[in-house]
Protein backbone atom coordinates (compact mmCIF):
# COMPACT_ATOMS: atom_id res chain seq x y z
CA MET A 1 0.09 0.08 -0.11
CA ASN A 2 1.44 3.50 -1.04
CA ILE A 3 0.73 4.87 2.57
CA ASP A 4 2.76 5.91 5.36
CA VAL A 5 0.34 5.44 8.35
CA LEU A 6 -2.62 2.87 8.43
CA ILE A 7 -5.84 4.12 9.91
CA SER A 8 -7.79 0.98 11.34
CA GLU A 9 -11.06 2.02 12.14
CA VAL A 10 -12.58 0.59 15.01
CA GLY A 11 -15.95 2.59 15.29
CA PRO A 12 -18.47 -0.32 13.92
CA ARG A 13 -17.03 -2.27 16.88
CA ASP A 14 -15.79 -0.30 19.72
CA GLY A 15 -17.75 2.97 18.96
CA LEU A 16 -21.08 0.97 18.83
CA GLN A 17 -20.54 -1.09 21.99
CA ASN A 18 -20.43 1.70 24.29
CA ILE A 19 -23.60 3.59 23.26
CA SER A 20 -27.21 2.64 24.22
CA SER A 21 -28.39 3.03 20.88
CA ILE A 22 -28.46 0.04 18.55
CA MET A 23 -27.52 1.15 14.98
CA PRO A 24 -29.89 -0.82 12.29
CA LEU A 25 -27.83 -3.15 10.14
CA ALA A 26 -28.53 -0.94 6.77
CA ASN A 27 -26.72 2.00 8.54
CA LYS A 28 -23.89 -0.06 9.61
CA LYS A 29 -23.44 -1.46 6.06
CA LYS A 30 -23.70 2.25 4.73
CA TRP A 31 -21.02 3.42 7.19
CA ILE A 32 -18.54 0.84 6.31
CA THR A 33 -19.01 1.25 2.71
CA ALA A 34 -18.64 4.95 2.81
CA GLU A 35 -15.31 4.83 4.73
CA ALA A 36 -14.00 2.24 2.45
CA ARG A 37 -14.85 4.11 -0.46
CA ALA A 38 -13.16 7.06 1.39
CA GLY A 39 -10.03 5.08 1.33
CA VAL A 40 -10.12 3.35 4.69
CA LYS A 41 -8.33 0.21 4.48
CA GLU A 42 -8.92 -1.63 7.35
CA ILE A 43 -12.14 -1.81 9.44
CA GLU A 44 -13.21 -3.75 12.76
CA VAL A 45 -16.56 -4.02 11.87
CA GLY A 46 -17.86 -5.76 15.09
CA SER A 47 -17.46 -8.31 17.57
CA PHE A 48 -18.35 -11.95 18.07
CA VAL A 49 -19.72 -11.44 21.57
CA SER A 50 -22.70 -12.85 23.80
CA HIS A 51 -25.86 -10.83 22.39
CA LYS A 52 -27.06 -10.82 25.77
CA LEU A 53 -24.00 -8.61 27.01
CA LEU A 54 -23.91 -6.72 23.99
CA PRO A 55 -26.95 -6.66 21.68
CA GLN A 56 -25.23 -3.97 19.43
CA MET A 57 -23.07 -6.72 18.23
CA ALA A 58 -26.08 -9.48 17.33
CA ASP A 59 -25.62 -8.88 13.58
CA THR A 60 -21.88 -8.90 13.23
CA ALA A 61 -21.83 -12.09 11.00
CA GLU A 62 -24.08 -10.03 8.63
CA VAL A 63 -22.03 -7.14 8.95
CA VAL A 64 -18.94 -8.99 7.99
CA ALA A 65 -20.59 -10.75 5.10
CA HIS A 66 -21.26 -7.23 3.53
CA ALA A 67 -17.77 -6.12 4.48
CA LEU A 68 -16.24 -9.01 2.66
CA LEU A 69 -17.87 -7.68 -0.45
CA ILE A 70 -15.76 -4.35 -0.57
CA PRO A 71 -12.72 -4.70 -2.81
CA GLY A 72 -9.35 -4.02 -0.98
CA LEU A 73 -10.77 -3.63 2.56
CA ARG A 74 -9.23 -5.57 5.16
CA VAL A 75 -12.03 -6.88 7.71
CA ALA A 76 -11.23 -7.35 11.44
CA ALA A 77 -13.35 -8.50 14.36
CA LEU A 78 -12.79 -8.58 18.09
CA VAL A 79 -13.30 -12.01 19.61
CA PRO A 80 -12.88 -12.76 23.55
CA ASN A 81 -12.78 -16.43 23.59
CA LEU A 82 -12.86 -19.58 21.31
CA PHE A 83 -16.32 -19.78 20.67
CA GLY A 84 -15.87 -16.17 19.11
CA ALA A 85 -13.01 -16.90 17.17
CA GLU A 86 -14.53 -19.92 15.69
CA ALA A 87 -17.82 -17.73 14.88
CA ALA A 88 -15.37 -15.23 13.14
CA VAL A 89 -13.63 -18.06 10.98
CA ARG A 90 -16.88 -19.14 10.10
CA ALA A 91 -17.87 -15.52 8.82
CA GLY A 92 -14.54 -15.23 6.87
CA VAL A 93 -12.75 -12.37 8.62
CA HIS A 94 -9.27 -11.45 7.84
CA LYS A 95 -8.11 -10.69 11.08
CA ILE A 96 -9.34 -11.25 14.38
CA THR A 97 -8.04 -9.15 17.79
CA ILE A 98 -8.28 -10.73 21.21
CA PRO A 99 -8.49 -8.34 24.06
CA PHE A 100 -6.18 -9.24 26.98
CA SER A 101 -5.93 -6.76 29.67
CA ALA A 102 -2.52 -5.82 31.48
CA SER A 103 -4.79 -5.30 34.53
CA GLU A 104 -6.12 -8.42 36.02
CA THR A 105 -9.02 -6.88 37.91
CA HIS A 106 -10.21 -5.53 34.55
CA SER A 107 -9.54 -8.91 32.61
CA ILE A 108 -11.84 -10.37 35.27
CA LYS A 109 -14.67 -7.75 34.65
CA ASN A 110 -14.30 -7.57 31.08
CA VAL A 111 -13.68 -11.27 29.85
CA ARG A 112 -14.41 -13.06 33.38
CA ARG A 113 -10.81 -14.50 33.19
CA THR A 114 -7.76 -14.12 35.35
CA HIS A 115 -4.29 -13.82 33.40
CA ASP A 116 -3.66 -17.16 33.47
CA GLN A 117 -7.08 -18.23 32.09
CA MET A 118 -6.98 -15.73 29.58
CA LEU A 119 -3.65 -17.08 28.56
CA ASP A 120 -5.03 -20.56 28.10
CA GLU A 121 -7.82 -19.14 26.00
CA VAL A 122 -5.42 -17.61 23.91
CA ARG A 123 -3.53 -20.80 23.27
CA LYS A 124 -6.85 -22.60 22.41
CA ILE A 125 -7.65 -20.15 19.94
CA VAL A 126 -3.98 -20.30 18.29
CA GLY A 127 -4.26 -23.97 18.34
CA ALA A 128 -7.80 -24.17 16.55
CA LEU A 129 -6.88 -21.55 13.95
CA HIS A 130 -3.55 -22.89 13.10
CA GLY A 131 -4.82 -26.09 12.08
CA LEU A 132 -6.93 -24.54 9.25
CA PRO A 133 -5.43 -24.21 5.64
CA VAL A 134 -6.44 -20.55 5.29
CA ARG A 135 -6.99 -18.70 8.77
CA PRO A 136 -7.28 -15.01 10.03
CA ALA A 137 -4.49 -12.96 11.24
CA ILE A 138 -4.37 -13.11 15.14
CA GLU A 139 -3.90 -10.10 16.82
CA VAL A 140 -3.81 -9.71 20.68
CA SER A 141 -4.88 -6.15 22.19
CA ILE A 142 -3.11 -5.51 25.48
CA SER A 143 -5.79 -3.12 27.23
CA THR A 144 -5.01 -0.99 30.05
CA ALA A 145 -1.33 -1.21 29.33
CA PHE A 146 -0.62 2.46 30.20
CA GLY A 147 -3.08 2.16 33.49
CA CYS A 148 -6.11 1.05 34.79
CA THR A 149 -9.28 2.80 36.32
CA TYR A 150 -9.36 -0.19 38.91
CA GLU A 151 -5.62 -0.89 39.72
CA GLY A 152 -4.05 2.50 38.35
CA ASN A 153 -0.60 2.28 37.11
CA ILE A 154 0.75 -0.85 35.37
CA SER A 155 4.25 -1.58 35.25
CA GLU A 156 6.02 -1.56 32.18
CA ASP A 157 7.94 -4.86 33.03
CA LYS A 158 4.50 -6.42 33.24
CA VAL A 159 3.25 -5.45 29.77
CA VAL A 160 6.40 -6.52 28.50
CA GLN A 161 5.94 -9.90 29.95
CA ILE A 162 2.63 -10.20 28.83
CA SER A 163 3.61 -9.33 25.23
CA GLU A 164 6.32 -11.97 25.32
CA ALA A 165 4.01 -14.77 26.74
CA LEU A 166 1.51 -13.91 23.81
CA ILE A 167 4.19 -14.26 20.86
CA GLU A 168 5.30 -17.51 22.66
CA ALA A 169 1.78 -18.86 22.67
CA GLY A 170 1.60 -18.24 18.93
CA CYS A 171 0.06 -14.93 18.05
CA ASP A 172 0.97 -13.20 15.09
CA GLU A 173 1.26 -9.51 16.77
CA VAL A 174 0.40 -7.78 19.81
CA GLY A 175 -0.70 -4.02 19.89
CA LEU A 176 -1.20 -1.68 23.03
CA ALA A 177 -4.18 0.04 24.06
CA ASP A 178 -4.76 2.92 26.32
CA SER A 179 -7.93 2.06 27.67
CA ALA A 180 -8.34 4.25 30.19
CA GLY A 181 -7.06 7.33 28.32
CA SER A 182 -4.42 7.83 31.09
CA ALA A 183 -1.31 7.46 28.91
CA ASN A 184 1.22 10.65 28.28
CA PRO A 185 3.78 10.79 25.44
CA VAL A 186 6.69 10.03 27.41
CA GLN A 187 4.83 6.82 28.69
CA ILE A 188 3.90 5.95 25.13
CA LYS A 189 7.24 6.23 24.08
CA SER A 190 8.82 4.32 26.81
CA VAL A 191 6.66 1.33 26.78
CA VAL A 192 6.13 1.04 23.00
CA SER A 193 9.82 0.61 22.65
CA SER A 194 10.27 -1.88 25.35
CA VAL A 195 7.55 -4.12 23.95
CA GLN A 196 9.21 -3.66 20.40
CA ALA A 197 12.57 -4.61 21.67
CA ALA A 198 11.10 -7.47 23.26
CA VAL A 199 9.01 -8.96 20.69
CA GLY A 200 10.39 -7.40 17.30
CA LYS A 201 8.97 -4.58 15.25
CA GLY A 202 7.39 -6.74 12.85
CA ALA A 203 5.42 -8.19 15.87
CA PHE A 204 4.09 -4.92 16.84
CA ALA A 205 0.48 -4.20 15.74
CA GLY A 206 0.10 -0.63 16.50
CA LEU A 207 -1.69 1.54 19.21
CA HIS A 208 -5.36 2.02 20.25
CA LEU A 209 -5.59 5.30 22.03
CA HIS A 210 -8.48 7.14 23.98
CA ASN A 211 -8.77 10.90 24.38
CA ASN A 212 -10.08 10.91 27.79
CA ARG A 213 -7.86 13.86 28.98
CA GLY A 214 -7.27 15.30 25.55
CA LEU A 215 -3.65 13.55 24.99
CA GLY A 216 -4.82 11.25 22.21
CA LEU A 217 -3.04 13.08 18.96
CA ALA A 218 -0.27 13.91 21.40
CA ASN A 219 0.40 10.14 21.95
CA VAL A 220 -0.06 9.32 18.17
CA LEU A 221 2.82 11.78 17.58
CA ALA A 222 4.92 10.06 20.35
CA GLY A 223 3.88 6.59 18.44
CA LEU A 224 5.18 7.95 15.35
CA GLU A 225 8.56 8.98 16.93
CA VAL A 226 9.29 5.45 17.88
CA GLY A 227 8.05 4.00 14.52
CA VAL A 228 4.47 3.20 15.00
CA THR A 229 2.66 3.17 11.67
CA THR A 230 -0.71 1.48 12.66
CA PHE A 231 -3.02 3.73 14.62
CA ASP A 232 -6.77 2.61 15.85
CA SER A 233 -9.45 5.43 15.84
CA SER A 234 -13.20 5.78 15.64
CA LEU A 235 -15.45 8.11 13.43
CA SER A 236 -16.68 10.90 15.56
CA GLY A 237 -14.79 9.62 18.53
CA LEU A 238 -17.43 6.86 19.87
CA GLY A 239 -16.48 4.37 21.70
CA GLY A 240 -15.00 2.92 24.86
CA CYS A 241 -15.43 0.01 27.18
CA PRO A 242 -18.35 -0.71 28.82
CA PHE A 243 -16.43 -2.88 31.79
CA LEU A 244 -14.06 0.35 32.50
CA PRO A 245 -15.46 3.26 34.32
CA GLY A 246 -14.65 6.61 32.44
CA ALA A 247 -12.98 4.98 29.48
CA ALA A 248 -15.10 6.87 26.81
CA GLY A 249 -13.84 8.57 23.45
CA ASN A 250 -11.41 7.02 21.31
CA ILE A 251 -9.38 9.19 19.04
CA VAL A 252 -11.47 10.78 16.47
CA THR A 253 -10.59 9.64 12.81
CA GLU A 254 -11.31 12.36 11.07
CA ASP A 255 -9.10 14.30 13.27
CA LEU A 256 -6.46 11.95 13.21
CA VAL A 257 -6.30 11.81 9.38
CA PHE A 258 -6.32 15.61 8.99
CA MET A 259 -3.26 15.74 11.25
CA LEU A 260 -1.45 13.13 9.63
CA GLU A 261 -2.10 14.54 6.13
CA ALA A 262 -1.27 18.23 7.14
CA MET A 263 2.16 16.83 8.40
CA GLY A 264 2.95 15.58 5.16
CA LEU A 265 1.96 11.75 5.94
CA LYS A 266 -0.13 9.69 3.27
CA THR A 267 -2.97 7.87 4.69
CA GLY A 268 -4.53 6.94 1.72
CA ILE A 269 -7.89 8.43 2.81
CA ASN A 270 -9.62 11.43 0.98
CA ILE A 271 -10.42 13.50 4.00
CA GLU A 272 -13.24 15.44 2.25
CA ALA A 273 -15.14 12.01 1.54
CA LEU A 274 -14.37 11.03 4.85
CA LEU A 275 -15.91 13.99 6.75
CA ASN A 276 -19.18 13.24 4.66
CA VAL A 277 -19.53 9.74 6.35
CA ARG A 278 -20.44 11.42 9.72
CA LYS A 279 -23.68 12.28 8.05
CA ILE A 280 -24.54 8.62 8.19
CA LEU A 281 -23.71 8.60 11.94
CA GLU A 282 -26.01 11.91 12.78
CA GLU A 283 -28.95 10.14 10.89
CA ALA A 284 -28.57 6.54 12.37
CA LEU A 285 -27.72 7.74 15.71
CA PRO A 286 -30.07 10.67 16.78
CA GLY A 287 -29.34 11.87 20.25
CA GLU A 288 -25.77 10.63 20.62
CA THR A 289 -22.92 13.04 21.03
CA LEU A 290 -20.51 12.98 18.26
CA TYR A 291 -17.02 14.20 18.75
CA GLY A 292 -14.26 15.98 16.59
CA PHE A 293 -12.60 19.37 16.04
CA THR A 294 -12.26 18.78 12.38
CA PRO A 295 -15.53 18.07 11.26
CA ASN A 296 -16.98 21.27 13.22
CA ALA A 297 -14.23 23.76 12.08
CA GLY A 298 -13.80 22.41 8.79
CA LEU A 299 -10.78 22.19 6.64
CA PRO A 300 -8.68 25.42 6.80
CA LEU A 301 -8.42 27.24 3.48
CA GLY A 302 -6.14 26.34 0.95
CA PHE A 303 -5.64 22.78 2.79
CA GLN A 304 -3.27 20.65 0.69
CA SER A 305 -3.42 16.82 1.60
CA ALA A 306 -0.27 14.60 1.09
CA ASN A 307 -2.00 12.63 -1.14
CA MET A 308 -5.79 13.28 -1.77
CA PRO A 309 -6.78 10.26 -3.82
CA GLU A 310 -10.17 10.24 -5.49
CA PRO A 311 -12.93 8.56 -3.50
CA SER A 312 -13.34 4.94 -4.72
CA SER A 313 -16.09 3.95 -7.21
CA ILE A 314 -17.22 1.40 -4.62
CA ASN A 315 -20.98 0.81 -4.77
CA ILE A 316 -22.38 -2.03 -2.59
CA ASN A 317 -25.91 -2.00 -1.34
């Protein structure tokens, strides 16, 4: 791909799981198609979880089926256990993301497993998938890697040890998530560098950042300085963890793309087309708060993107 930074859109999963509204399937399809048309190349379209816990994700298999029809789009889904991974494989996703919390307290609340139990679950998933002739990529996202609402500070050594254990278990990549929105740029550079040194830069997936305390984009810059080239974000800043108090607010995809393109970095995304996607959320989620400075202020007069591609001709119903 002729890009410098990969933006992985997580709104259809992380964004929708943290709001009370349930977006209709037709609107989810429209959203994903529109973002892909704007140039977004990877979208986490949902999660294979209990419908009782997260009714917002009840139609994930149908969403995946639609997304797989979009040329050039890498389709990802979150899976918390072997049951979810098997469902994701049946659906045909390109990548699964497994959540593994650096905070054991959060792990028990989020996936109802201790660290040892969750590592065993990861091994089961890896074993089941590695026996397949074609399998999705396996990424583990280490949540609360920079701090936890329940436990406070998380030691860097602990995050490194977890990363090494996950790679030894057979995962393809590990990523780091600032689930509580407590990270600062110095901490980002330190923890990312340590994990990269431990598992290798090729096995480091990227950063998933929240903007609770306004440092989301500053933390992106810190990540760039230590070689991170993949960042998760959510359209209009929707999202957060339902099982972590105060963990609201992913970094805003529109603001992230604007910043990177203004800096001269290529995302492959047409920001004007991306800004128009917001209208789909406004129509489908009335009453929900949508965030973002760039959508509200508009693009600066004379703004020049690093590489403004024409919107794709994708047209899927």
